[in-house]
Structures are given as C-alpha cells and as structure tokens.
Amino acid sequence: MTYFSFVEPWGYEDNLNYFTEWQDKIKASPRLSDEVYMHRELLGYSKEMRYVELITITGKNGKQEEREDVIDGPGLFPSFEAGTKEA
C-alpha cells in the first residue's frame, strides 16, 4: 500500500510559533483583545519533554472574571521551571 501526503509536515516548533503569533495579534489589537479570549495552559510534558498545552480560544461575551478552582493532584498541571519560556 502506498500513501501520499498533500501537505507539508507540521512540526512542534510550527505549532508553538503559530499559537504565539495569534496570542501576540490578539494582545496587540484593541478590537481583538476586547472580543477574543485566548489562554494557554501547560497540561504536562511529552516523552521528549515538550509542552502539552490546553489552548482555550473563545469569545469574551458573557465571560466571568472568576476562575474555576484548580484541579490539584500529583503530576497534574506542572508549573513552569525557571528559565523556560512560559506560553
């Protein structure tokens, strides 16, 4: 069996850069920052010690200012280590 791909590979760096660019665009634009909520949160690390993120993108209409309680447990939502770039 032969497989063909019609898109170029999408790497880990590409993914980080893509969401960082969108996050920067939202912060830089007064209109977007008023309308769009984007939040990136570290869920954990892959076997290669790469970030596994939870990315939330939604509208700000009806958004509440209070955050949900953090689910705490061993190994859940690790904190960023000093010297790493926080997303």
PDB file of N, CA and C in Angstrom:
ATOM      1  N   MET A   1       0.847  -1.179   0.000  1.00  0.00           N
ATOM      2  CA  MET A   1       0.000   0.000   0.000  1.00  0.00           C
ATOM      3  C   MET A   1       0.892   1.242   0.000  1.00  0.00           C
ATOM      4  N   THR A   2       0.502   2.256  -0.725  1.00  0.00           N
ATOM      5  CA  THR A   2       1.254   3.496  -0.822  1.00  0.00           C
ATOM      6  C   THR A   2       0.389   4.654  -0.324  1.00  0.00           C
ATOM      7  N   TYR A   3       1.002   5.546   0.480  1.00  0.00           N
ATOM      8  CA  TYR A   3       0.302   6.719   0.990  1.00  0.00           C
ATOM      9  C   TYR A   3       0.956   7.972   0.426  1.00  0.00           C
ATOM     10  N   PHE A   4       0.148   8.963   0.101  1.00  0.00           N
ATOM     11  CA  PHE A   4       0.647  10.239  -0.379  1.00  0.00           C
ATOM     12  C   PHE A   4       0.122  11.339   0.542  1.00  0.00           C
ATOM     13  N   SER A   5       0.973  12.294   0.814  1.00  0.00           N
ATOM     14  CA  SER A   5       0.570  13.434   1.622  1.00  0.00           C
ATOM     15  C   SER A   5       0.576  14.675   0.738  1.00  0.00           C
ATOM     16  N   PHE A   6      -0.467  15.475   0.847  1.00  0.00           N
ATOM     17  CA  PHE A   6      -0.563  16.678   0.044  1.00  0.00           C
ATOM     18  C   PHE A   6      -0.320  17.945   0.863  1.00  0.00           C
ATOM     19  N   VAL A   7       0.188  17.781   2.051  1.00  0.00           N
ATOM     20  CA  VAL A   7       0.548  18.924   2.883  1.00  0.00           C
ATOM     21  C   VAL A   7       1.950  18.688   3.429  1.00  0.00           C
ATOM     22  N   GLU A   8       2.633  19.774   3.726  1.00  0.00           N
ATOM     23  CA  GLU A   8       3.968  19.621   4.305  1.00  0.00           C
ATOM     24  C   GLU A   8       3.842  19.293   5.792  1.00  0.00           C
ATOM     25  N   PRO A   9       4.843  18.682   6.367  1.00  0.00           N
ATOM     26  CA  PRO A   9       4.769  18.324   7.793  1.00  0.00           C
ATOM     27  C   PRO A   9       4.610  19.567   8.680  1.00  0.00           C
ATOM     28  N   TRP A  10       3.871  19.398   9.749  1.00  0.00           N
ATOM     29  CA  TRP A  10       3.621  20.482  10.715  1.00  0.00           C
ATOM     30  C   TRP A  10       4.310  20.072  12.005  1.00  0.00           C
ATOM     31  N   GLY A  11       5.407  20.732  12.316  1.00  0.00           N
ATOM     32  CA  GLY A  11       6.229  20.342  13.451  1.00  0.00           C
ATOM     33  C   GLY A  11       5.834  21.010  14.753  1.00  0.00           C
ATOM     34  N   TYR A  12       6.481  20.583  15.797  1.00  0.00           N
ATOM     35  CA  TYR A  12       6.253  21.121  17.141  1.00  0.00           C
ATOM     36  C   TYR A  12       6.553  22.618  17.181  1.00  0.00           C
ATOM     37  N   GLU A  13       7.706  23.037  16.613  1.00  0.00           N
ATOM     38  CA  GLU A  13       8.064  24.465  16.576  1.00  0.00           C
ATOM     39  C   GLU A  13       7.012  25.269  15.823  1.00  0.00           C
ATOM     40  N   ASP A  14       6.532  24.717  14.705  1.00  0.00           N
ATOM     41  CA  ASP A  14       5.497  25.395  13.925  1.00  0.00           C
ATOM     42  C   ASP A  14       4.258  25.648  14.772  1.00  0.00           C
ATOM     43  N   ASN A  15       3.889  24.648  15.548  1.00  0.00           N
ATOM     44  CA  ASN A  15       2.711  24.755  16.395  1.00  0.00           C
ATOM     45  C   ASN A  15       2.900  25.830  17.471  1.00  0.00           C
ATOM     46  N   LEU A  16       4.048  25.823  18.147  1.00  0.00           N
ATOM     47  CA  LEU A  16       4.329  26.842  19.167  1.00  0.00           C
ATOM     48  C   LEU A  16       4.312  28.237  18.554  1.00  0.00           C
ATOM     49  N   ASN A  17       4.984  28.386  17.414  1.00  0.00           N
ATOM     50  CA  ASN A  17       5.047  29.695  16.761  1.00  0.00           C
ATOM     51  C   ASN A  17       3.671  30.168  16.308  1.00  0.00           C
ATOM     52  N   TYR A  18       2.867  29.261  15.781  1.00  0.00           N
ATOM     53  CA  TYR A  18       1.531  29.610  15.301  1.00  0.00           C
ATOM     54  C   TYR A  18       0.669  30.195  16.424  1.00  0.00           C
ATOM     55  N   PHE A  19       0.611  29.498  17.547  1.00  0.00           N
ATOM     56  CA  PHE A  19      -0.237  29.977  18.643  1.00  0.00           C
ATOM     57  C   PHE A  19       0.360  31.194  19.341  1.00  0.00           C
ATOM     58  N   THR A  20       1.681  31.311  19.368  1.00  0.00           N
ATOM     59  CA  THR A  20       2.312  32.506  19.932  1.00  0.00           C
ATOM     60  C   THR A  20       2.004  33.719  19.072  1.00  0.00           C
ATOM     61  N   GLU A  21       2.050  33.566  17.747  1.00  0.00           N
ATOM     62  CA  GLU A  21       1.704  34.668  16.846  1.00  0.00           C
ATOM     63  C   GLU A  21       0.259  35.113  17.051  1.00  0.00           C
ATOM     64  N   TRP A  22      -0.658  34.148  17.162  1.00  0.00           N
ATOM     65  CA  TRP A  22      -2.063  34.511  17.384  1.00  0.00           C
ATOM     66  C   TRP A  22      -2.250  35.198  18.728  1.00  0.00           C
ATOM     67  N   GLN A  23      -1.558  34.711  19.747  1.00  0.00           N
ATOM     68  CA  GLN A  23      -1.654  35.330  21.067  1.00  0.00           C
ATOM     69  C   GLN A  23      -1.148  36.777  21.006  1.00  0.00           C
ATOM     70  N   ASP A  24      -0.044  37.006  20.301  1.00  0.00           N
ATOM     71  CA  ASP A  24       0.504  38.357  20.156  1.00  0.00           C
ATOM     72  C   ASP A  24      -0.434  39.262  19.360  1.00  0.00           C
ATOM     73  N   LYS A  25      -1.061  38.715  18.292  1.00  0.00           N
ATOM     74  CA  LYS A  25      -2.010  39.503  17.495  1.00  0.00           C
ATOM     75  C   LYS A  25      -3.198  39.935  18.339  1.00  0.00           C
ATOM     76  N   ILE A  26      -3.700  39.032  19.153  1.00  0.00           N
ATOM     77  CA  ILE A  26      -4.858  39.348  19.995  1.00  0.00           C
ATOM     78  C   ILE A  26      -4.496  40.422  21.011  1.00  0.00           C
ATOM     79  N   LYS A  27      -3.326  40.295  21.637  1.00  0.00           N
ATOM     80  CA  LYS A  27      -2.895  41.293  22.621  1.00  0.00           C
ATOM     81  C   LYS A  27      -2.651  42.658  21.987  1.00  0.00           C
ATOM     82  N   ALA A  28      -2.139  42.684  20.753  1.00  0.00           N
ATOM     83  CA  ALA A  28      -1.775  43.937  20.089  1.00  0.00           C
ATOM     84  C   ALA A  28      -2.979  44.687  19.516  1.00  0.00           C
ATOM     85  N   SER A  29      -4.064  44.001  19.245  1.00  0.00           N
ATOM     86  CA  SER A  29      -5.223  44.618  18.623  1.00  0.00           C
ATOM     87  C   SER A  29      -6.275  44.960  19.686  1.00  0.00           C
ATOM     88  N   PRO A  30      -6.604  46.243  19.832  1.00  0.00           N
ATOM     89  CA  PRO A  30      -7.628  46.612  20.817  1.00  0.00           C
ATOM     90  C   PRO A  30      -8.969  45.915  20.562  1.00  0.00           C
ATOM     91  N   ARG A  31      -9.348  45.809  19.285  1.00  0.00           N
ATOM     92  CA  ARG A  31     -10.627  45.171  18.951  1.00  0.00           C
ATOM     93  C   ARG A  31     -10.605  43.689  19.301  1.00  0.00           C
ATOM     94  N   LEU A  32      -9.541  42.987  18.884  1.00  0.00           N
ATOM     95  CA  LEU A  32      -9.465  41.558  19.174  1.00  0.00           C
ATOM     96  C   LEU A  32      -9.359  41.294  20.673  1.00  0.00           C
ATOM     97  N   SER A  33      -8.580  42.109  21.378  1.00  0.00           N
ATOM     98  CA  SER A  33      -8.419  41.870  22.811  1.00  0.00           C
ATOM     99  C   SER A  33      -9.723  42.118  23.576  1.00  0.00           C
ATOM    100  N   ASP A  34     -10.623  42.942  23.008  1.00  0.00           N
ATOM    101  CA  ASP A  34     -11.932  43.149  23.625  1.00  0.00           C
ATOM    102  C   ASP A  34     -12.909  42.012  23.319  1.00  0.00           C
ATOM    103  N   GLU A  35     -12.693  41.319  22.197  1.00  0.00           N
ATOM    104  CA  GLU A  35     -13.661  40.317  21.748  1.00  0.00           C
ATOM    105  C   GLU A  35     -13.219  38.860  21.922  1.00  0.00           C
ATOM    106  N   VAL A  36     -11.906  38.617  21.893  1.00  0.00           N
ATOM    107  CA  VAL A  36     -11.405  37.238  21.869  1.00  0.00           C
ATOM    108  C   VAL A  36     -10.656  36.918  23.155  1.00  0.00           C
ATOM    109  N   TYR A  37     -11.006  35.784  23.749  1.00  0.00           N
ATOM    110  CA  TYR A  37     -10.300  35.282  24.921  1.00  0.00           C
ATOM    111  C   TYR A  37      -9.444  34.103  24.476  1.00  0.00           C
ATOM    112  N   MET A  38      -8.133  34.200  24.733  1.00  0.00           N
ATOM    113  CA  MET A  38      -7.217  33.104  24.423  1.00  0.00           C
ATOM    114  C   MET A  38      -6.351  32.856  25.641  1.00  0.00           C
ATOM    115  N   HIS A  39      -6.283  31.597  26.034  1.00  0.00           N
ATOM    116  CA  HIS A  39      -5.483  31.233  27.205  1.00  0.00           C
ATOM    117  C   HIS A  39      -4.759  29.931  26.914  1.00  0.00           C
ATOM    118  N   ARG A  40      -3.463  29.903  27.241  1.00  0.00           N
ATOM    119  CA  ARG A  40      -2.644  28.698  27.055  1.00  0.00           C
ATOM    120  C   ARG A  40      -2.190  28.227  28.421  1.00  0.00           C
ATOM    121  N   GLU A  41      -2.339  26.938  28.643  1.00  0.00           N
ATOM    122  CA  GLU A  41      -2.039  26.365  29.948  1.00  0.00           C
ATOM    123  C   GLU A  41      -1.257  25.068  29.757  1.00  0.00           C
ATOM    124  N   LEU A  42      -0.213  24.901  30.528  1.00  0.00           N
ATOM    125  CA  LEU A  42       0.600  23.691  30.430  1.00  0.00           C
ATOM    126  C   LEU A  42      -0.119  22.539  31.115  1.00  0.00           C
ATOM    127  N   LEU A  43      -0.384  21.472  30.356  1.00  0.00           N
ATOM    128  CA  LEU A  43      -1.002  20.279  30.929  1.00  0.00           C
ATOM    129  C   LEU A  43       0.049  19.293  31.422  1.00  0.00           C
ATOM    130  N   GLY A  44       1.155  19.249  30.728  1.00  0.00           N
ATOM    131  CA  GLY A  44       2.209  18.310  31.085  1.00  0.00           C
ATOM    132  C   GLY A  44       3.280  18.310  30.025  1.00  0.00           C
ATOM    133  N   TYR A  45       4.097  17.281  30.045  1.00  0.00           N
ATOM    134  CA  TYR A  45       5.189  17.167  29.093  1.00  0.00           C
ATOM    135  C   TYR A  45       5.090  15.847  28.339  1.00  0.00           C
ATOM    136  N   SER A  46       5.522  15.862  27.089  1.00  0.00           N
ATOM    137  CA  SER A  46       5.580  14.634  26.317  1.00  0.00           C
ATOM    138  C   SER A  46       6.824  13.846  26.728  1.00  0.00           C
ATOM    139  N   LYS A  47       7.002  12.678  26.136  1.00  0.00           N
ATOM    140  CA  LYS A  47       8.193  11.881  26.432  1.00  0.00           C
ATOM    141  C   LYS A  47       9.465  12.615  26.023  1.00  0.00           C
ATOM    142  N   GLU A  48       9.350  13.497  25.033  1.00  0.00           N
ATOM    143  CA  GLU A  48      10.503  14.272  24.567  1.00  0.00           C
ATOM    144  C   GLU A  48      10.674  15.565  25.360  1.00  0.00           C
ATOM    145  N   MET A  49       9.911  15.715  26.475  1.00  0.00           N
ATOM    146  CA  MET A  49       9.926  16.906  27.331  1.00  0.00           C
ATOM    147  C   MET A  49       9.466  18.163  26.579  1.00  0.00           C
ATOM    148  N   ARG A  50       8.507  17.983  25.699  1.00  0.00           N
ATOM    149  CA  ARG A  50       7.885  19.112  25.010  1.00  0.00           C
ATOM    150  C   ARG A  50       6.584  19.449  25.717  1.00  0.00           C
ATOM    151  N   TYR A  51       6.188  20.726  25.633  1.00  0.00           N
ATOM    152  CA  TYR A  51       4.949  21.157  26.270  1.00  0.00           C
ATOM    153  C   TYR A  51       3.745  20.477  25.631  1.00  0.00           C
ATOM    154  N   VAL A  52       2.813  20.052  26.462  1.00  0.00           N
ATOM    155  CA  VAL A  52       1.485  19.631  26.014  1.00  0.00           C
ATOM    156  C   VAL A  52       0.551  20.670  26.607  1.00  0.00           C
ATOM    157  N   GLU A  53      -0.054  21.473  25.741  1.00  0.00           N
ATOM    158  CA  GLU A  53      -0.836  22.610  26.204  1.00  0.00           C
ATOM    159  C   GLU A  53      -2.333  22.397  26.033  1.00  0.00           C
ATOM    160  N   LEU A  54      -3.075  23.035  26.916  1.00  0.00           N
ATOM    161  CA  LEU A  54      -4.513  23.191  26.743  1.00  0.00           C
ATOM    162  C   LEU A  54      -4.695  24.621  26.251  1.00  0.00           C
ATOM    163  N   ILE A  55      -5.253  24.777  25.059  1.00  0.00           N
ATOM    164  CA  ILE A  55      -5.428  26.103  24.472  1.00  0.00           C
ATOM    165  C   ILE A  55      -6.919  26.389  24.378  1.00  0.00           C
ATOM    166  N   THR A  56      -7.337  27.477  25.017  1.00  0.00           N
ATOM    167  CA  THR A  56      -8.738  27.879  25.009  1.00  0.00           C
ATOM    168  C   THR A  56      -8.870  29.149  24.183  1.00  0.00           C
ATOM    169  N   ILE A  57      -9.705  29.112  23.154  1.00  0.00           N
ATOM    170  CA  ILE A  57      -9.998  30.290  22.335  1.00  0.00           C
ATOM    171  C   ILE A  57     -11.512  30.409  22.255  1.00  0.00           C
ATOM    172  N   THR A  58     -12.030  31.540  22.698  1.00  0.00           N
ATOM    173  CA  THR A  58     -13.476  31.741  22.696  1.00  0.00           C
ATOM    174  C   THR A  58     -13.765  33.244  22.692  1.00  0.00           C
ATOM    175  N   GLY A  59     -15.031  33.591  22.619  1.00  0.00           N
ATOM    176  CA  GLY A  59     -15.428  34.987  22.694  1.00  0.00           C
ATOM    177  C   GLY A  59     -15.498  35.436  24.146  1.00  0.00           C
ATOM    178  N   LYS A  60     -15.400  36.746  24.359  1.00  0.00           N
ATOM    179  CA  LYS A  60     -15.467  37.278  25.725  1.00  0.00           C
ATOM    180  C   LYS A  60     -16.885  37.622  26.163  1.00  0.00           C
ATOM    181  N   ASN A  61     -17.853  37.481  25.259  1.00  0.00           N
ATOM    182  CA  ASN A  61     -19.222  37.817  25.641  1.00  0.00           C
ATOM    183  C   ASN A  61     -19.705  36.828  26.709  1.00  0.00           C
ATOM    184  N   GLY A  62     -20.134  37.349  27.827  1.00  0.00           N
ATOM    185  CA  GLY A  62     -20.609  36.512  28.925  1.00  0.00           C
ATOM    186  C   GLY A  62     -19.507  35.905  29.767  1.00  0.00           C
ATOM    187  N   LYS A  63     -18.265  36.321  29.543  1.00  0.00           N
ATOM    188  CA  LYS A  63     -17.133  35.767  30.289  1.00  0.00           C
ATOM    189  C   LYS A  63     -17.171  36.271  31.725  1.00  0.00           C
ATOM    190  N   GLN A  64     -16.966  35.367  32.650  1.00  0.00           N
ATOM    191  CA  GLN A  64     -16.907  35.739  34.055  1.00  0.00           C
ATOM    192  C   GLN A  64     -15.463  35.995  34.440  1.00  0.00           C
ATOM    193  N   GLU A  65     -15.248  36.883  35.386  1.00  0.00           N
ATOM    194  CA  GLU A  65     -13.893  37.222  35.813  1.00  0.00           C
ATOM    195  C   GLU A  65     -13.300  36.192  36.770  1.00  0.00           C
ATOM    196  N   GLU A  66     -14.157  35.415  37.430  1.00  0.00           N
ATOM    197  CA  GLU A  66     -13.627  34.444  38.392  1.00  0.00           C
ATOM    198  C   GLU A  66     -13.208  33.166  37.679  1.00  0.00           C
ATOM    199  N   ARG A  67     -12.127  32.568  38.166  1.00  0.00           N
ATOM    200  CA  ARG A  67     -11.624  31.334  37.581  1.00  0.00           C
ATOM    201  C   ARG A  67     -12.150  30.137  38.349  1.00  0.00           C
ATOM    202  N   GLU A  68     -12.227  29.022  37.664  1.00  0.00           N
ATOM    203  CA  GLU A  68     -12.598  27.768  38.306  1.00  0.00           C
ATOM    204  C   GLU A  68     -11.491  27.347  39.270  1.00  0.00           C
ATOM    205  N   ASP A  69     -11.843  26.539  40.254  1.00  0.00           N
ATOM    206  CA  ASP A  69     -10.832  26.016  41.164  1.00  0.00           C
ATOM    207  C   ASP A  69      -9.866  25.127  40.394  1.00  0.00           C
ATOM    208  N   VAL A  70      -8.610  25.170  40.787  1.00  0.00           N
ATOM    209  CA  VAL A  70      -7.589  24.349  40.149  1.00  0.00           C
ATOM    210  C   VAL A  70      -7.745  22.908  40.612  1.00  0.00           C
ATOM    211  N   ILE A  71      -7.709  21.995  39.654  1.00  0.00           N
ATOM    212  CA  ILE A  71      -7.744  20.574  39.997  1.00  0.00           C
ATOM    213  C   ILE A  71      -6.338  20.208  40.436  1.00  0.00           C
ATOM    214  N   ASP A  72      -6.184  19.811  41.667  1.00  0.00           N
ATOM    215  CA  ASP A  72      -4.851  19.547  42.195  1.00  0.00           C
ATOM    216  C   ASP A  72      -4.660  18.058  42.393  1.00  0.00           C
ATOM    217  N   GLY A  73      -3.536  17.579  41.985  1.00  0.00           N
ATOM    218  CA  GLY A  73      -3.209  16.173  42.153  1.00  0.00           C
ATOM    219  C   GLY A  73      -1.777  15.934  41.729  1.00  0.00           C
ATOM    220  N   PRO A  74      -1.204  14.845  42.139  1.00  0.00           N
ATOM    221  CA  PRO A  74       0.190  14.581  41.800  1.00  0.00           C
ATOM    222  C   PRO A  74       0.379  14.452  40.286  1.00  0.00           C
ATOM    223  N   GLY A  75       1.259  15.284  39.756  1.00  0.00           N
ATOM    224  CA  GLY A  75       1.569  15.219  38.332  1.00  0.00           C
ATOM    225  C   GLY A  75       0.622  15.982  37.431  1.00  0.00           C
ATOM    226  N   LEU A  76      -0.446  16.571  37.972  1.00  0.00           N
ATOM    227  CA  LEU A  76      -1.382  17.339  37.151  1.00  0.00           C
ATOM    228  C   LEU A  76      -0.927  18.791  37.062  1.00  0.00           C
ATOM    229  N   PHE A  77      -1.019  19.360  35.882  1.00  0.00           N
ATOM    230  CA  PHE A  77      -0.706  20.762  35.630  1.00  0.00           C
ATOM    231  C   PHE A  77       0.612  21.187  36.279  1.00  0.00           C
ATOM    232  N   PRO A  78       1.739  20.670  35.805  1.00  0.00           N
ATOM    233  CA  PRO A  78       3.028  21.042  36.394  1.00  0.00           C
ATOM    234  C   PRO A  78       3.331  22.510  36.161  1.00  0.00           C
ATOM    235  N   SER A  79       4.065  23.109  37.064  1.00  0.00           N
ATOM    236  CA  SER A  79       4.419  24.514  36.909  1.00  0.00           C
ATOM    237  C   SER A  79       5.614  24.627  35.974  1.00  0.00           C
ATOM    238  N   PHE A  80       5.776  25.806  35.379  1.00  0.00           N
ATOM    239  CA  PHE A  80       6.908  26.046  34.501  1.00  0.00           C
ATOM    240  C   PHE A  80       8.164  26.161  35.352  1.00  0.00           C
ATOM    241  N   GLU A  81       9.242  25.600  34.861  1.00  0.00           N
ATOM    242  CA  GLU A  81      10.508  25.703  35.568  1.00  0.00           C
ATOM    243  C   GLU A  81      11.150  27.031  35.257  1.00  0.00           C
ATOM    244  N   ALA A  82      11.953  27.519  36.175  1.00  0.00           N
ATOM    245  CA  ALA A  82      12.656  28.793  35.964  1.00  0.00           C
ATOM    246  C   ALA A  82      13.541  28.681  34.726  1.00  0.00           C
ATOM    247  N   GLY A  83      13.523  29.712  33.915  1.00  0.00           N
ATOM    248  CA  GLY A  83      14.348  29.731  32.715  1.00  0.00           C
ATOM    249  C   GLY A  83      13.666  29.215  31.465  1.00  0.00           C
ATOM    250  N   THR A  84      12.475  28.623  31.597  1.00  0.00           N
ATOM    251  CA  THR A  84      11.760  28.161  30.414  1.00  0.00           C
ATOM    252  C   THR A  84      10.817  29.264  29.974  1.00  0.00           C
ATOM    253  N   LYS A  85      10.464  29.246  28.701  1.00  0.00           N
ATOM    254  CA  LYS A  85       9.546  30.276  28.221  1.00  0.00           C
ATOM    255  C   LYS A  85       8.114  29.835  28.505  1.00  0.00           C
ATOM    256  N   GLU A  86       7.425  30.627  29.266  1.00  0.00           N
ATOM    257  CA  GLU A  86       6.033  30.306  29.603  1.00  0.00           C
ATOM    258  C   GLU A  86       5.157  30.761  28.460  1.00  0.00           C
ATOM    259  N   ALA A  87       4.259  29.927  28.041  1.00  0.00           N
ATOM    260  CA  ALA A  87       3.359  30.243  26.934  1.00  0.00           C
ATOM    261  C   ALA A  87       2.213  31.090  27.390  1.00  0.00           C
TER     262      ALA A  87
END
